Amino acid sequence: MITGPAKQIFVNLPVRDLKKSMAFYQALGFSINPQFTDDKGACIVIGNHIFAMLLSEPFFKTFTKKSVADASRAAEVMTAISLDSRQRVDDLADKALQSGGSGNMPPQDHGWMYLRSFQDPDGHIWEVLCADESKIPAEPGAKATAKG
């Protein structure tokens, strides 16, 4: 049992072309931690305590007995990043689309939360959002009015 909050999160992603994937994430403004980067994998620094480990598919396979999902054909996970403004959400999603990523779903505005999503070159789905928790509807399942 975890007795306190987790200190860090590492999202491990299999990639077909490590250099291409590294270039994509750098184009989004993320840095690479060279201490955990070599020809088999790269540590992408997303936030102070949030990292994406890009692992070449052969290396990724050494960590599991399961088959590796082809993220370009099937969704295996959607990773969400919370940002502090709608403008930062748009900026990051636009950079992703301009840097070799593709769209996933249309933008969503729920009034209290704004969300965009994209896929990286391997098809991994990323969501970027900003939310004003003070505007979350009081009743579960209630929908806030979207601002258009």
Foldseek 3Di string as FASTA:
>chain_A
DDPDDDQADEAEDEDADAVLLQQLLVLLVWDWDVVPDDPAWTWTDPDPRYTYIYGHNVRVCVVDPDDHDQLQVDAPDEAEDEDADPVSQVSSVVSNVVSQKAFDDDWDFQPQKTKGWIAHNSNHIYMYMYGDVVPPDPDPPDTHDGDD
